[in-house]
C-alpha atoms as a PDB file:
ATOM      1  CA  MET A   1     -27.001  47.039 150.349  1.00  0.00           C
ATOM      2  CA  PHE A   2     -24.122  44.705 149.717  1.00  0.00           C
ATOM      3  CA  ASN A   3     -23.461  43.617 146.086  1.00  0.00           C
ATOM      4  CA  ASP A   4     -21.100  41.148 144.473  1.00  0.00           C
ATOM      5  CA  LYS A   5     -21.776  40.704 140.758  1.00  0.00           C
ATOM      6  CA  PHE A   6     -25.424  39.605 140.589  1.00  0.00           C
ATOM      7  CA  ASN A   7     -25.677  38.615 144.296  1.00  0.00           C
ATOM      8  CA  SER A   8     -26.996  41.100 146.800  1.00  0.00           C
ATOM      9  CA  VAL A   9     -28.144  41.494 150.369  1.00  0.00           C
ATOM     10  CA  ARG A  10     -30.333  44.527 151.172  1.00  0.00           C
ATOM     11  CA  LEU A  11     -31.490  45.613 154.625  1.00  0.00           C
ATOM     12  CA  GLU A  12     -34.063  48.340 155.232  1.00  0.00           C
ATOM     13  CA  GLY A  13     -36.148  49.605 158.099  1.00  0.00           C
ATOM     14  CA  ILE A  14     -39.767  50.577 157.502  1.00  0.00           C
ATOM     15  CA  ARG A  15     -42.096  52.336 159.917  1.00  0.00           C
ATOM     16  CA  ALA A  16     -45.037  50.091 160.702  1.00  0.00           C
ATOM     17  CA  THR A  17     -47.461  49.731 163.615  1.00  0.00           C
ATOM     18  CA  THR A  18     -48.831  46.278 162.780  1.00  0.00           C
ATOM     19  CA  ALA A  19     -47.160  43.003 161.992  1.00  0.00           C
ATOM     20  CA  PRO A  20     -47.140  41.900 158.364  1.00  0.00           C
ATOM     21  CA  THR A  21     -49.200  38.883 157.379  1.00  0.00           C
ATOM     22  CA  VAL A  22     -49.120  36.670 154.326  1.00  0.00           C
ATOM     23  CA  ASN A  23     -52.249  38.459 153.127  1.00  0.00           C
ATOM     24  CA  SER A  24     -50.903  41.988 153.747  1.00  0.00           C
ATOM     25  CA  VAL A  25     -47.670  41.209 151.917  1.00  0.00           C
ATOM     26  CA  ARG A  26     -49.650  39.720 148.998  1.00  0.00           C
ATOM     27  CA  ALA A  27     -51.981  42.759 148.876  1.00  0.00           C
ATOM     28  CA  LYS A  28     -49.474  45.596 149.461  1.00  0.00           C
ATOM     29  CA  ASP A  29     -45.883  44.540 148.930  1.00  0.00           C
ATOM     30  CA  VAL A  30     -46.163  42.141 146.002  1.00  0.00           C
ATOM     31  CA  PRO A  31     -47.961  44.599 143.694  1.00  0.00           C
ATOM     32  CA  ALA A  32     -45.326  47.263 144.391  1.00  0.00           C
ATOM     33  CA  ILE A  33     -42.505  44.799 143.703  1.00  0.00           C
ATOM     34  CA  ARG A  34     -44.253  43.622 140.538  1.00  0.00           C
ATOM     35  CA  ALA A  35     -44.609  47.214 139.297  1.00  0.00           C
ATOM     36  CA  ALA A  36     -40.901  47.955 139.910  1.00  0.00           C
ATOM     37  CA  SER A  37     -39.628  44.688 138.359  1.00  0.00           C
ATOM     38  CA  ILE A  38     -39.003  43.330 134.913  1.00  0.00           C
ATOM     39  CA  HIS A  39     -40.216  39.764 134.180  1.00  0.00           C
ATOM     40  CA  PHE A  40     -41.629  39.393 137.711  1.00  0.00           C
ATOM     41  CA  SER A  41     -42.920  35.925 138.685  1.00  0.00           C
ATOM     42  CA  LEU A  42     -44.210  35.200 142.203  1.00  0.00           C
ATOM     43  CA  VAL A  43     -43.110  31.835 143.628  1.00  0.00           C
ATOM     44  CA  LYS A  44     -44.757  32.022 147.081  1.00  0.00           C
ATOM     45  CA  VAL A  45     -45.619  34.093 150.097  1.00  0.00           C
ATOM     46  CA  VAL A  46     -45.409  32.235 153.422  1.00  0.00           C
ATOM     47  CA  GLU A  47     -44.762  32.765 157.100  1.00  0.00           C
ATOM     48  CA  VAL A  48     -41.380  31.402 158.254  1.00  0.00           C
ATOM     49  CA  GLN A  49     -39.514  31.118 161.537  1.00  0.00           C
ATOM     50  CA  ARG A  50     -35.928  32.254 161.786  1.00  0.00           C
ATOM     51  CA  LYS A  51     -33.619  32.485 164.846  1.00  0.00           C
ATOM     52  CA  GLY A  52     -34.412  36.217 165.063  1.00  0.00           C
ATOM     53  CA  GLY A  53     -38.159  35.672 165.011  1.00  0.00           C
ATOM     54  CA  LYS A  54     -41.123  35.133 162.727  1.00  0.00           C
ATOM     55  CA  ALA A  55     -41.117  36.729 159.277  1.00  0.00           C
ATOM     56  CA  VAL A  56     -43.216  36.775 156.111  1.00  0.00           C
ATOM     57  CA  LEU A  57     -41.199  35.549 153.130  1.00  0.00           C
ATOM     58  CA  ALA A  58     -42.047  36.616 149.617  1.00  0.00           C
ATOM     59  CA  GLU A  59     -40.096  34.508 147.116  1.00  0.00           C
ATOM     60  CA  TYR A  60     -40.080  35.554 143.484  1.00  0.00           C
ATOM     61  CA  ARG A  61     -38.077  35.854 140.279  1.00  0.00           C
ATOM     62  CA  ALA A  62     -37.252  39.022 138.371  1.00  0.00           C
ATOM     63  CA  ASP A  63     -34.578  40.319 136.052  1.00  0.00           C
ATOM     64  CA  SER A  64     -31.538  42.117 137.418  1.00  0.00           C
ATOM     65  CA  VAL A  65     -30.712  45.724 136.724  1.00  0.00           C
ATOM     66  CA  PRO A  66     -28.668  46.053 133.553  1.00  0.00           C
ATOM     67  CA  ASN A  67     -24.917  45.423 133.807  1.00  0.00           C
ATOM     68  CA  GLN A  68     -23.198  48.867 133.586  1.00  0.00           C
ATOM     69  CA  VAL A  69     -20.789  47.686 130.868  1.00  0.00           C
ATOM     70  CA  THR A  70     -22.768  45.195 128.763  1.00  0.00           C
ATOM     71  CA  GLY A  71     -26.360  46.306 129.484  1.00  0.00           C
ATOM     72  CA  LYS A  72     -27.170  42.604 130.010  1.00  0.00           C
ATOM     73  CA  ARG A  73     -29.839  41.516 132.511  1.00  0.00           C
ATOM     74  CA  ILE A  74     -30.044  38.096 134.105  1.00  0.00           C
ATOM     75  CA  PRO A  75     -32.952  36.355 135.837  1.00  0.00           C
ATOM     76  CA  LEU A  76     -32.666  36.412 139.619  1.00  0.00           C
ATOM     77  CA  ASP A  77     -34.111  34.360 142.442  1.00  0.00           C
ATOM     78  CA  VAL A  78     -35.210  36.746 145.214  1.00  0.00           C
ATOM     79  CA  GLN A  79     -36.193  36.122 148.820  1.00  0.00           C
ATOM     80  CA  ARG A  80     -37.685  39.045 150.728  1.00  0.00           C
ATOM     81  CA  TYR A  81     -38.145  38.578 154.486  1.00  0.00           C
ATOM     82  CA  VAL A  82     -40.273  41.016 156.470  1.00  0.00           C
ATOM     83  CA  PHE A  83     -39.611  40.880 160.244  1.00  0.00           C
ATOM     84  CA  TYR A  84     -41.640  42.957 162.705  1.00  0.00           C
ATOM     85  CA  LYS A  85     -41.251  44.142 166.276  1.00  0.00           C
ATOM     86  CA  PRO A  86     -43.672  46.451 168.102  1.00  0.00           C
ATOM     87  CA  GLY A  87     -42.090  49.859 168.630  1.00  0.00           C
ATOM     88  CA  LYS A  88     -39.421  49.086 165.999  1.00  0.00           C
ATOM     89  CA  GLY A  89     -41.491  48.525 162.886  1.00  0.00           C
ATOM     90  CA  GLU A  90     -40.455  46.294 159.975  1.00  0.00           C
ATOM     91  CA  ALA A  91     -36.992  45.105 159.098  1.00  0.00           C
ATOM     92  CA  VAL A  92     -36.819  43.888 155.495  1.00  0.00           C
ATOM     93  CA  VAL A  93     -34.021  41.576 154.399  1.00  0.00           C
ATOM     94  CA  THR A  94     -33.913  41.015 150.635  1.00  0.00           C
ATOM     95  CA  LEU A  95     -31.507  38.475 149.118  1.00  0.00           C
ATOM     96  CA  SER A  96     -31.003  37.932 145.416  1.00  0.00           C
ATOM     97  CA  GLY A  97     -28.784  35.844 143.182  1.00  0.00           C
ATOM     98  CA  ALA A  98     -28.696  34.304 139.707  1.00  0.00           C
ATOM     99  CA  VAL A  99     -31.434  31.739 139.056  1.00  0.00           C
ATOM    100  CA  GLY A 100     -30.064  28.283 139.770  1.00  0.00           C
ATOM    101  CA  ALA A 101     -27.194  29.409 141.982  1.00  0.00           C
ATOM    102  CA  ASP A 102     -26.808  27.433 145.190  1.00  0.00           C
ATOM    103  CA  ASN A 103     -27.749  30.128 147.689  1.00  0.00           C
ATOM    104  CA  VAL A 104     -29.766  28.020 150.152  1.00  0.00           C
ATOM    105  CA  ASP A 105     -27.102  27.768 152.871  1.00  0.00           C
ATOM    106  CA  PRO A 106     -25.696  31.325 152.628  1.00  0.00           C
ATOM    107  CA  TRP A 107     -29.203  32.819 152.603  1.00  0.00           C
ATOM    108  CA  ARG A 108     -30.202  30.736 155.596  1.00  0.00           C
ATOM    109  CA  THR A 109     -27.080  31.958 157.403  1.00  0.00           C
ATOM    110  CA  VAL A 110     -27.906  35.590 156.643  1.00  0.00           C
ATOM    111  CA  THR A 111     -31.586  35.368 157.660  1.00  0.00           C
ATOM    112  CA  ASP A 112     -30.790  33.344 160.798  1.00  0.00           C
ATOM    113  CA  SER A 113     -28.249  35.969 161.854  1.00  0.00           C
ATOM    114  CA  PHE A 114     -30.890  38.757 161.927  1.00  0.00           C
ATOM    115  CA  ARG A 115     -31.476  40.152 165.401  1.00  0.00           C
ATOM    116  CA  TRP A 116     -33.385  43.141 166.777  1.00  0.00           C
ATOM    117  CA  HIS A 117     -31.360  45.657 168.819  1.00  0.00           C
END
């Protein structure tokens, strides 16, 4: 995970034998995210194409973890991309930043730079 104030990029590998679908992410991943989040609000779950391949994108809003000094939370926009490759499993790229921040171009750069090795 890379953090800078309330912006973050998180990468994780998950063992999986089948590719995620919009329906599987809605049924399995979204409820787990909702349960672990404060003020969760789902925006959409869609299939997207990136330079590194097809992914399922879950876009949502949730509050940040509390600031260590002030205890303050802020609302975040979050994009969670689930890529899949047989024999490799899932690669999950999660991007978050303050609601309203202009993250479209940087987040596109990050998700387009994903490659399987």
